[in-house]
C-alpha cells in the first residue's frame, strides 16, 4: 500500500533464552520496540493501520500480533485492515513496489499493560479452576495430540482444561482476494458452539504466541 512502512515479524516476536531452552516469539524489549516504531515513522499521536499480507490467516495473525504489541505498550489508536494487502489489491487500489523509508517518529512506549499478558502462574491458576478460560487457537490435529511441532513444543497434546478455538474458524481465507474476519454475531455463535463463554476472562494460547494473538483480537477487541 503506498506510503506504508515495513515491520518485519522477527522485530515484533523475538527469540530469547529460558531455563528450558529457546523461547520463540516473545515480546520485544520496551526500548527496542519503541525504536522500531520510531523508525517506522510512528508518532505519539499517530493513527496506526496495520496492513498484513492478507492471503492466509497466519498472515492475519502477524498483523494482530503487532496490534496486540502496540496495545501492550499503551498505544490505543490502532486498527487492523480487514483483508489486508490482498483485498486492497483485489479491489484494484493503488500498489507500489520497493521499500519506503519513513522519517523518524517520536513515539514513546507507555507502561506495559501486564493484564494483557498471561504468565505461567496465570495459566497454572486457570488449570486449577481459577476463573480464566484457556483457549487453544491451534488446529485440531495439534490440540488433540495427533502431531506437534517438535522444534518448538516439547510434547503432543494441550494444556489441561483448554478449549479448542481453531484460528481457521475466526475468518474466511480467500487467497488473493484477502482473508477477512467473520462478523461479531458469527464469531459469538462460534465460540458458544465450542463451549467458550465470551463474558468470562480468557487466556489465548498456541505453540508460541503468534496465532494466539488472533484469538485475543477476536475475544478482546
Protein backbone atom coordinates (compact mmCIF):
# COMPACT_ATOMS: atom_id res chain seq x y z
CA UNK A 1 0.00 0.00 0.00
CA UNK A 2 1.55 3.37 -0.97
CA UNK A 3 3.41 5.07 1.86
CA UNK A 4 3.33 2.10 4.21
CA UNK A 5 6.33 1.10 6.32
CA UNK A 6 7.54 -2.50 6.52
CA UNK A 7 7.66 -4.00 10.01
CA UNK A 8 9.25 -7.44 9.93
CA UNK A 9 7.96 -10.32 12.04
CA UNK A 10 11.34 -11.02 13.67
CA UNK A 11 11.29 -7.50 15.15
CA UNK A 12 7.97 -7.94 16.98
CA UNK A 13 8.30 -11.60 18.03
CA UNK A 14 11.79 -12.23 19.32
CA UNK A 15 13.68 -15.36 20.32
CA UNK A 16 15.07 -15.47 23.85
CA UNK A 17 16.65 -17.99 26.20
CA UNK A 18 14.73 -19.61 29.06
CA UNK A 19 15.52 -22.19 31.70
CA UNK A 20 14.33 -24.95 29.39
CA UNK A 21 16.00 -23.70 26.22
CA UNK A 22 14.94 -21.37 23.42
CA UNK A 23 11.71 -19.37 23.77
CA UNK A 24 10.11 -18.33 20.49
CA UNK A 25 8.04 -15.28 19.54
CA UNK A 26 8.45 -13.43 22.83
CA UNK A 27 7.52 -9.79 23.47
CA UNK A 28 10.33 -7.44 22.40
CA UNK A 29 12.17 -5.28 24.88
CA UNK A 30 10.36 -1.99 25.54
CA UNK A 31 13.25 0.16 24.29
CA UNK A 32 13.70 -1.97 21.17
CA UNK A 33 10.01 -1.76 20.28
CA UNK A 34 9.97 1.98 20.83
CA UNK A 35 12.95 2.31 18.48
CA UNK A 36 11.21 0.11 15.89
CA UNK A 37 8.05 2.21 15.93
CA UNK A 38 10.00 5.46 15.66
CA UNK A 39 11.99 4.11 12.71
CA UNK A 40 8.66 3.13 11.14
CA UNK A 41 7.55 6.76 11.27
CA UNK A 42 5.05 6.38 14.12
CA UNK A 43 4.35 9.48 16.20
CA UNK A 44 2.75 9.75 19.60
CA UNK A 45 -0.50 10.96 18.03
CA UNK A 46 -0.44 8.60 15.02
CA UNK A 47 -3.42 6.53 14.00
CA UNK A 48 -1.76 3.22 13.09
CA UNK A 49 -3.37 0.96 10.48
CA UNK A 50 -1.80 -2.50 10.24
CA UNK A 51 -1.92 -3.99 6.77
CA UNK A 52 -0.87 -7.65 6.83
CA UNK A 53 -0.36 -9.62 3.59
CA UNK A 54 -3.90 -10.94 3.97
CA UNK A 55 -3.59 -14.04 1.79
CA UNK A 56 -3.98 -16.52 4.67
CA UNK A 57 -4.86 -16.48 8.35
CA UNK A 58 -1.30 -16.95 9.53
CA UNK A 59 -0.53 -13.63 7.84
CA UNK A 60 -3.54 -12.06 9.55
CA UNK A 61 -2.07 -13.21 12.88
CA UNK A 62 1.14 -11.36 12.00
CA UNK A 63 -0.97 -8.22 11.98
CA UNK A 64 -2.91 -8.97 15.15
CA UNK A 65 0.36 -9.63 16.97
CA UNK A 66 1.67 -6.17 16.06
CA UNK A 67 -1.73 -4.74 17.06
CA UNK A 68 -1.50 -6.50 20.43
CA UNK A 69 2.08 -5.30 20.97
CA UNK A 70 1.10 -1.68 20.35
CA UNK A 71 -1.77 -2.06 22.81
CA UNK A 72 0.55 -3.75 25.32
CA UNK A 73 2.85 -0.75 25.22
CA UNK A 74 -0.01 1.72 25.63
CA UNK A 75 -0.98 2.82 22.10
CA UNK A 76 -4.75 2.58 21.57
CA UNK A 77 -5.19 4.40 18.25
CA UNK A 78 -4.59 1.30 16.14
CA UNK A 79 -6.60 -0.80 13.68
CA UNK A 80 -6.17 -3.91 11.53
CA UNK A 81 -7.05 -3.62 7.83
CA UNK A 82 -9.57 -6.41 7.28
CA UNK A 83 -8.49 -8.45 4.26
CA UNK A 84 -5.01 -6.95 4.30
CA UNK A 85 -2.98 -6.05 1.23
CA UNK A 86 -4.51 -8.93 -0.74
CA UNK A 87 -8.04 -7.48 -0.51
CA UNK A 88 -6.70 -3.96 -1.14
CA UNK A 89 -5.04 -5.16 -4.36
CA UNK A 90 -8.06 -7.27 -5.39
CA UNK A 91 -10.17 -4.10 -5.24
CA UNK A 92 -7.79 -2.53 -7.82
CA UNK A 93 -6.47 0.05 -5.39
CA UNK A 94 -3.03 1.62 -5.84
CA UNK A 95 0.00 -0.59 -5.24
CA UNK A 96 3.66 0.44 -5.27
CA UNK A 97 6.92 -1.51 -5.22
CA UNK A 98 10.13 -1.05 -3.25
CA UNK A 99 10.74 -0.31 0.40
CA UNK A 100 9.71 3.06 1.83
CA UNK A 101 12.00 4.96 4.16
CA UNK A 102 9.68 6.81 6.54
CA UNK A 103 11.04 9.69 8.59
CA UNK A 104 11.70 9.09 12.27
CA UNK A 105 8.67 9.41 14.51
CA UNK A 106 8.51 10.49 18.15
CA UNK A 107 6.50 7.56 19.51
CA UNK A 108 7.07 6.62 23.14
CA UNK A 109 6.18 3.30 24.72
CA UNK A 110 3.94 3.62 27.76
CA UNK A 111 3.75 1.44 30.84
CA UNK A 112 3.43 -2.22 29.94
CA UNK A 113 -0.14 -3.44 30.32
CA UNK A 114 0.64 -6.60 32.21
CA UNK A 115 -3.04 -7.53 32.28
CA UNK A 116 -2.77 -8.27 28.55
CA UNK A 117 -0.01 -10.86 29.00
CA UNK A 118 -0.51 -14.14 30.86
CA UNK A 119 2.48 -15.78 32.55
CA UNK A 120 2.97 -19.36 33.74
CA UNK A 121 1.39 -18.53 37.09
CA UNK A 122 -1.77 -17.24 35.41
CA UNK A 123 -2.02 -20.38 33.30
CA UNK A 124 -1.47 -22.66 36.30
CA UNK A 125 -4.22 -20.82 38.19
CA UNK A 126 -6.58 -21.28 35.23
CA UNK A 127 -5.73 -25.01 35.03
CA UNK A 128 -6.64 -25.32 38.70
CA UNK A 129 -10.01 -23.66 38.10
CA UNK A 130 -9.02 -20.09 38.89
CA UNK A 131 -11.51 -18.23 36.72
CA UNK A 132 -9.95 -17.67 33.30
CA UNK A 133 -10.70 -19.93 30.36
CA UNK A 134 -7.77 -21.17 28.31
CA UNK A 135 -8.47 -21.22 24.59
CA UNK A 136 -6.10 -23.11 22.32
CA UNK A 137 -6.05 -21.44 18.90
CA UNK A 138 -4.24 -24.27 17.11
CA UNK A 139 -5.96 -26.51 14.61
CA UNK A 140 -7.47 -29.76 15.98
CA UNK A 141 -4.61 -32.10 14.98
CA UNK A 142 -2.30 -30.17 17.32
CA UNK A 143 -4.90 -29.72 20.07
CA UNK A 144 -5.80 -33.43 20.01
CA UNK A 145 -2.16 -34.51 20.10
CA UNK A 146 -2.12 -36.21 16.71
CA UNK A 147 1.03 -34.27 15.87
CA UNK A 148 3.18 -31.46 17.24
CA UNK A 149 5.90 -29.05 16.19
CA UNK A 150 8.79 -30.79 17.89
CA UNK A 151 11.19 -27.89 17.32
CA UNK A 152 9.01 -25.61 19.45
CA UNK A 153 6.81 -27.79 21.66
CA UNK A 154 8.13 -30.50 23.98
CA UNK A 155 5.26 -32.96 23.60
CA UNK A 156 1.89 -33.60 22.00
CA UNK A 157 -1.49 -32.58 23.38
CA UNK A 158 -2.93 -29.49 25.02
CA UNK A 159 -2.93 -27.70 28.37
CA UNK A 160 -5.39 -29.44 30.73
CA UNK A 161 -8.83 -27.85 30.54
CA UNK A 162 -8.06 -25.76 27.45
CA UNK A 163 -10.86 -25.45 24.89
CA UNK A 164 -10.14 -25.52 21.19
CA UNK A 165 -10.96 -22.44 19.10
CA UNK A 166 -9.09 -23.16 15.84
CA UNK A 167 -7.85 -19.96 14.23
CA UNK A 168 -9.33 -21.06 10.90
CA UNK A 169 -12.89 -20.52 12.22
CA UNK A 170 -12.16 -16.86 13.03
CA UNK A 171 -12.10 -15.72 9.43
CA UNK A 172 -12.53 -16.74 5.81
CA UNK A 173 -9.39 -17.40 3.79
CA UNK A 174 -9.85 -16.21 0.20
CA UNK A 175 -6.26 -16.24 -1.05
CA UNK A 176 -5.60 -13.33 -3.41
CA UNK A 177 -9.00 -11.83 -2.52
CA UNK A 178 -7.94 -11.42 1.13
CA UNK A 179 -8.67 -13.13 4.43
CA UNK A 180 -11.42 -11.39 6.38
CA UNK A 181 -12.82 -11.88 9.87
CA UNK A 182 -16.32 -13.25 10.33
CA UNK A 183 -18.91 -10.88 11.78
CA UNK A 184 -19.25 -10.34 15.51
CA UNK A 185 -22.55 -12.26 15.55
CA UNK A 186 -21.00 -15.20 13.69
CA UNK A 187 -17.96 -15.24 15.98
CA UNK A 188 -20.14 -15.06 19.08
CA UNK A 189 -22.12 -18.05 17.82
CA UNK A 190 -18.94 -20.00 17.01
CA UNK A 191 -17.36 -19.54 20.44
CA UNK A 192 -20.65 -20.52 22.07
CA UNK A 193 -20.86 -23.70 19.98
CA UNK A 194 -17.34 -24.58 21.14
CA UNK A 195 -18.25 -24.17 24.81
CA UNK A 196 -16.47 -20.86 25.37
CA UNK A 197 -18.14 -18.12 27.43
CA UNK A 198 -17.32 -14.72 25.85
CA UNK A 199 -18.23 -12.93 29.08
CA UNK A 200 -15.52 -14.65 31.14
CA UNK A 201 -11.77 -13.89 31.19
CA UNK A 202 -9.78 -15.69 28.51
CA UNK A 203 -6.15 -16.72 28.08
CA UNK A 204 -5.42 -17.28 24.40
CA UNK A 205 -2.52 -19.59 23.52
CA UNK A 206 -0.94 -21.52 20.66
CA UNK A 207 2.53 -23.02 20.18
CA UNK A 208 4.45 -19.77 20.58
CA UNK A 209 2.07 -16.81 20.86
CA UNK A 210 1.74 -15.99 17.16
CA UNK A 211 -1.69 -17.36 16.24
CA UNK A 212 -2.84 -16.74 19.82
CA UNK A 213 -2.92 -13.02 19.08
CA UNK A 214 -5.74 -13.58 16.57
CA UNK A 215 -7.80 -15.31 19.25
CA UNK A 216 -7.10 -12.45 21.65
CA UNK A 217 -8.05 -9.92 18.95
CA UNK A 218 -11.41 -11.58 18.34
CA UNK A 219 -12.26 -12.18 22.01
CA UNK A 220 -10.98 -8.86 23.41
CA UNK A 221 -11.43 -6.32 20.64
